[in-house]
N, C-alpha and C. Protein backbone atom coordinates (compact mmCIF):
# COMPACT_ATOMS: atom_id res chain seq x y z
N MET A 1 24.77 -12.87 -13.08
CA MET A 1 24.10 -12.21 -12.41
C MET A 1 24.02 -11.09 -13.49
N PRO A 2 22.43 -10.58 -13.76
CA PRO A 2 22.34 -9.09 -14.92
C PRO A 2 23.23 -8.45 -14.57
N ARG A 3 23.48 -7.31 -15.90
CA ARG A 3 24.36 -6.43 -15.72
C ARG A 3 23.27 -5.10 -15.26
N ARG A 4 24.04 -4.05 -15.08
CA ARG A 4 23.33 -2.73 -14.42
C ARG A 4 22.56 -2.10 -15.72
N THR A 5 21.49 -1.48 -15.40
CA THR A 5 21.28 -0.46 -16.89
C THR A 5 21.56 0.96 -16.09
N PRO A 6 21.70 1.67 -16.83
CA PRO A 6 21.47 3.28 -16.84
C PRO A 6 20.12 3.92 -15.70
N TYR A 7 19.02 3.03 -15.65
CA TYR A 7 17.93 3.23 -15.29
C TYR A 7 17.57 2.74 -14.08
N ASP A 8 18.40 1.72 -13.63
CA ASP A 8 18.33 1.04 -12.51
C ASP A 8 18.18 2.30 -10.88
N ARG A 9 18.86 3.32 -11.28
CA ARG A 9 18.41 4.25 -10.21
C ARG A 9 17.45 4.78 -10.49
N GLU A 10 16.99 4.95 -11.12
CA GLU A 10 15.67 5.70 -11.42
C GLU A 10 14.43 4.97 -10.58
N ILE A 11 14.76 3.88 -11.25
CA ILE A 11 13.67 2.66 -11.08
C ILE A 11 13.67 2.67 -9.30
N LEU A 12 14.29 2.90 -8.73
CA LEU A 12 15.00 2.36 -7.44
C LEU A 12 14.38 3.62 -6.77
N LEU A 13 14.72 4.91 -7.11
CA LEU A 13 13.95 6.07 -6.72
C LEU A 13 12.43 6.17 -6.81
N LEU A 14 11.96 5.57 -7.68
CA LEU A 14 10.44 5.70 -7.76
C LEU A 14 9.85 4.67 -7.46
N ALA A 15 10.74 3.34 -6.33
CA ALA A 15 10.11 2.14 -5.91
C ALA A 15 10.24 2.68 -4.71
N LEU A 16 11.11 3.49 -4.08
CA LEU A 16 11.15 3.07 -2.59
C LEU A 16 10.03 4.06 -1.75
N PRO A 17 9.24 5.28 -2.34
CA PRO A 17 8.21 5.78 -1.78
C PRO A 17 7.38 4.94 -2.10
N ALA A 18 7.03 4.15 -3.29
CA ALA A 18 5.85 3.37 -3.15
C ALA A 18 5.90 2.48 -2.31
N LEU A 19 6.80 1.84 -1.98
CA LEU A 19 7.11 0.29 -1.21
C LEU A 19 6.79 1.22 0.42
N GLY A 20 7.42 2.66 0.81
CA GLY A 20 7.29 2.81 2.20
C GLY A 20 5.57 3.21 2.10
N ALA A 21 4.96 3.68 1.36
CA ALA A 21 3.36 3.73 1.29
C ALA A 21 2.55 2.55 1.36
N LEU A 22 3.04 1.29 0.49
CA LEU A 22 2.36 0.07 0.63
C LEU A 22 2.90 -0.50 2.29
N ALA A 23 3.95 0.15 2.90
CA ALA A 23 4.21 -0.72 4.45
C ALA A 23 3.63 0.15 5.25
N ALA A 24 3.38 1.52 4.87
CA ALA A 24 2.57 2.24 5.67
C ALA A 24 1.12 2.17 6.19
N GLU A 25 0.34 1.63 5.19
CA GLU A 25 -0.64 1.37 5.69
C GLU A 25 -1.03 0.25 7.33
N PRO A 26 -0.71 -1.47 6.80
CA PRO A 26 -0.40 -1.84 7.77
C PRO A 26 -0.25 -1.37 9.42
N LEU A 27 1.04 -0.56 9.46
CA LEU A 27 1.44 0.15 10.22
C LEU A 27 0.68 0.94 10.83
N TYR A 28 -0.38 1.46 10.02
CA TYR A 28 -1.50 2.56 10.93
C TYR A 28 -2.40 1.46 11.89
N LEU A 29 -2.67 0.17 11.26
CA LEU A 29 -3.85 -0.48 11.62
C LEU A 29 -2.62 -1.36 12.71
N LEU A 30 -1.59 -1.42 12.82
CA LEU A 30 -1.34 -2.07 13.60
C LEU A 30 -1.21 -1.06 15.30
N ALA A 31 -1.00 0.49 14.91
CA ALA A 31 -0.79 1.33 15.84
C ALA A 31 -2.61 1.58 16.26
N ASP A 32 -3.11 1.79 15.05
CA ASP A 32 -4.78 1.76 15.97
C ASP A 32 -4.97 0.99 16.83
N THR A 33 -5.01 -0.64 16.29
CA THR A 33 -4.91 -1.87 17.35
C THR A 33 -4.35 -1.32 18.93
N ALA A 34 -3.25 -1.13 18.76
CA ALA A 34 -2.66 -0.48 20.07
C ALA A 34 -3.29 0.07 20.66
N ILE A 35 -3.53 1.28 20.43
CA ILE A 35 -4.15 2.15 21.15
C ILE A 35 -5.60 1.98 21.51
N VAL A 36 -6.81 1.47 20.30
CA VAL A 36 -7.69 1.31 20.46
C VAL A 36 -8.14 -0.22 21.78
N GLY A 37 -6.61 -1.12 21.94
CA GLY A 37 -6.88 -2.23 22.41
C GLY A 37 -7.19 -1.56 23.97
N HIS A 38 -6.69 -0.15 24.12
CA HIS A 38 -6.89 -0.06 25.96
C HIS A 38 -8.32 0.27 26.03
N LEU A 39 -9.29 0.82 25.39
CA LEU A 39 -10.63 1.12 25.26
C LEU A 39 -11.35 0.18 25.65
N GLY A 40 -11.06 -1.31 25.12
CA GLY A 40 -12.14 -2.75 25.83
C GLY A 40 -12.46 -3.53 24.38
N THR A 41 -13.35 -4.38 24.38
CA THR A 41 -13.60 -5.46 23.82
C THR A 41 -14.68 -4.98 22.59
N PRO A 42 -15.25 -4.03 23.27
CA PRO A 42 -16.37 -3.67 21.61
C PRO A 42 -15.66 -2.75 20.54
N GLN A 43 -14.70 -2.07 21.49
CA GLN A 43 -14.09 -0.82 20.64
C GLN A 43 -13.45 -1.44 19.56
N LEU A 44 -12.16 -2.62 20.05
CA LEU A 44 -11.88 -3.26 19.43
C LEU A 44 -12.24 -4.29 17.90
N ALA A 45 -13.38 -4.62 18.36
CA ALA A 45 -14.55 -5.31 17.80
C ALA A 45 -14.35 -4.33 16.36
N ALA A 46 -14.93 -3.36 16.40
CA ALA A 46 -15.43 -2.25 15.65
C ALA A 46 -13.79 -1.88 15.02
N LEU A 47 -12.95 -1.46 15.54
CA LEU A 47 -11.76 -1.25 14.64
C LEU A 47 -11.42 -2.78 13.76
N ALA A 48 -11.59 -4.01 14.24
CA ALA A 48 -11.03 -4.75 13.55
C ALA A 48 -12.38 -4.95 12.41
N LEU A 49 -13.63 -4.90 12.49
CA LEU A 49 -14.49 -4.56 11.58
C LEU A 49 -13.79 -3.36 10.42
N ALA A 50 -13.54 -2.39 10.90
CA ALA A 50 -13.10 -1.08 10.19
C ALA A 50 -11.90 -1.22 9.56
N SER A 51 -11.12 -2.03 10.13
CA SER A 51 -9.32 -2.32 9.33
C SER A 51 -9.96 -3.42 8.26
N THR A 52 -10.71 -4.21 8.59
CA THR A 52 -10.88 -5.48 7.26
C THR A 52 -11.74 -4.32 6.21
N LEU A 53 -12.21 -3.77 6.61
CA LEU A 53 -13.09 -3.02 5.00
C LEU A 53 -11.72 -2.02 4.37
N LEU A 54 -10.79 -1.67 5.46
CA LEU A 54 -10.01 -0.67 4.88
C LEU A 54 -8.88 -1.30 4.38
N THR A 55 -8.58 -2.39 4.30
CA THR A 55 -7.62 -2.95 4.17
C THR A 55 -7.76 -3.37 2.78
N GLY A 56 -9.17 -4.09 2.88
CA GLY A 56 -9.70 -4.48 1.16
C GLY A 56 -9.71 -3.05 0.29
N LEU A 57 -10.33 -1.85 1.05
CA LEU A 57 -10.48 -1.35 -0.18
C LEU A 57 -8.96 -0.43 -0.55
N ALA A 58 -7.51 -0.68 0.63
CA ALA A 58 -6.35 -0.62 0.16
C ALA A 58 -5.87 -1.35 -0.82
N THR A 59 -6.37 -2.47 -0.72
CA THR A 59 -6.12 -3.94 -1.91
C THR A 59 -6.89 -3.31 -3.15
N PHE A 60 -8.10 -3.49 -3.28
CA PHE A 60 -8.78 -2.78 -4.30
C PHE A 60 -8.42 -1.90 -5.48
N CYS A 61 -8.17 -0.44 -4.41
CA CYS A 61 -7.10 0.69 -5.22
C CYS A 61 -5.83 0.49 -5.71
N ASN A 62 -5.04 -0.78 -4.62
CA ASN A 62 -4.03 -1.20 -5.44
C ASN A 62 -3.88 -1.95 -6.56
N PHE A 63 -4.69 -2.89 -6.69
CA PHE A 63 -4.97 -3.53 -7.97
C PHE A 63 -5.62 -2.24 -8.64
N LEU A 64 -6.24 -1.66 -9.02
CA LEU A 64 -6.57 -0.50 -10.27
C LEU A 64 -5.44 0.13 -10.49
N THR A 65 -4.54 0.62 -9.63
CA THR A 65 -3.45 1.26 -9.68
C THR A 65 -2.44 0.17 -10.67
N TYR A 66 -2.19 -0.86 -9.96
CA TYR A 66 -1.12 -1.81 -10.89
C TYR A 66 -1.35 -2.02 -12.44
N GLY A 67 -3.00 -2.32 -12.14
CA GLY A 67 -3.61 -2.72 -13.76
C GLY A 67 -3.93 -1.56 -14.37
N VAL A 68 -4.14 -0.55 -14.46
CA VAL A 68 -4.22 1.00 -14.92
C VAL A 68 -2.75 1.54 -15.64
N THR A 69 -1.95 1.16 -14.87
CA THR A 69 -0.81 1.94 -15.33
C THR A 69 0.00 1.34 -16.28
N ALA A 70 -0.01 0.43 -16.58
CA ALA A 70 0.57 -0.21 -18.42
C ALA A 70 0.06 0.96 -18.79
N GLN A 71 -1.76 0.23 -18.82
CA GLN A 71 -2.11 1.16 -19.88
C GLN A 71 -2.20 2.46 -20.51
N VAL A 72 -2.22 3.47 -18.76
CA VAL A 72 -1.55 4.92 -19.28
C VAL A 72 -0.40 5.05 -19.91
N ALA A 73 0.77 4.06 -19.63
CA ALA A 73 2.69 4.37 -20.05
C ALA A 73 2.06 4.25 -21.83
N ARG A 74 1.29 2.88 -21.97
CA ARG A 74 1.36 3.05 -23.52
C ARG A 74 0.23 4.13 -24.16
N LEU A 75 -0.49 4.91 -23.48
CA LEU A 75 -1.21 6.07 -24.24
C LEU A 75 -0.17 7.38 -24.21
N SER A 76 0.38 6.97 -23.05
CA SER A 76 1.03 8.20 -22.89
C SER A 76 2.27 8.32 -24.07
N GLY A 77 2.56 6.89 -24.74
CA GLY A 77 3.51 6.69 -25.45
C GLY A 77 4.73 6.47 -25.14
N ALA A 78 4.71 5.47 -24.25
CA ALA A 78 5.60 4.52 -23.37
C ALA A 78 6.00 3.34 -23.91
């Protein structure tokens, strides 16, 4: 088992909010589906399209965030 470093706590404190943000987006979509599902089939179909677009946009933004983070850290002197 790897030994713990002094940075483990700091990494955890940074990672938990990020994990919460990543988990929140699908939960919002689930809540939207539960609410709009009571309105009817056309509304639910429109939500499905909007949810697909929103998920695609969020995935693309996360991809950019992960891809740029290392470059910004290097340019900042890390």
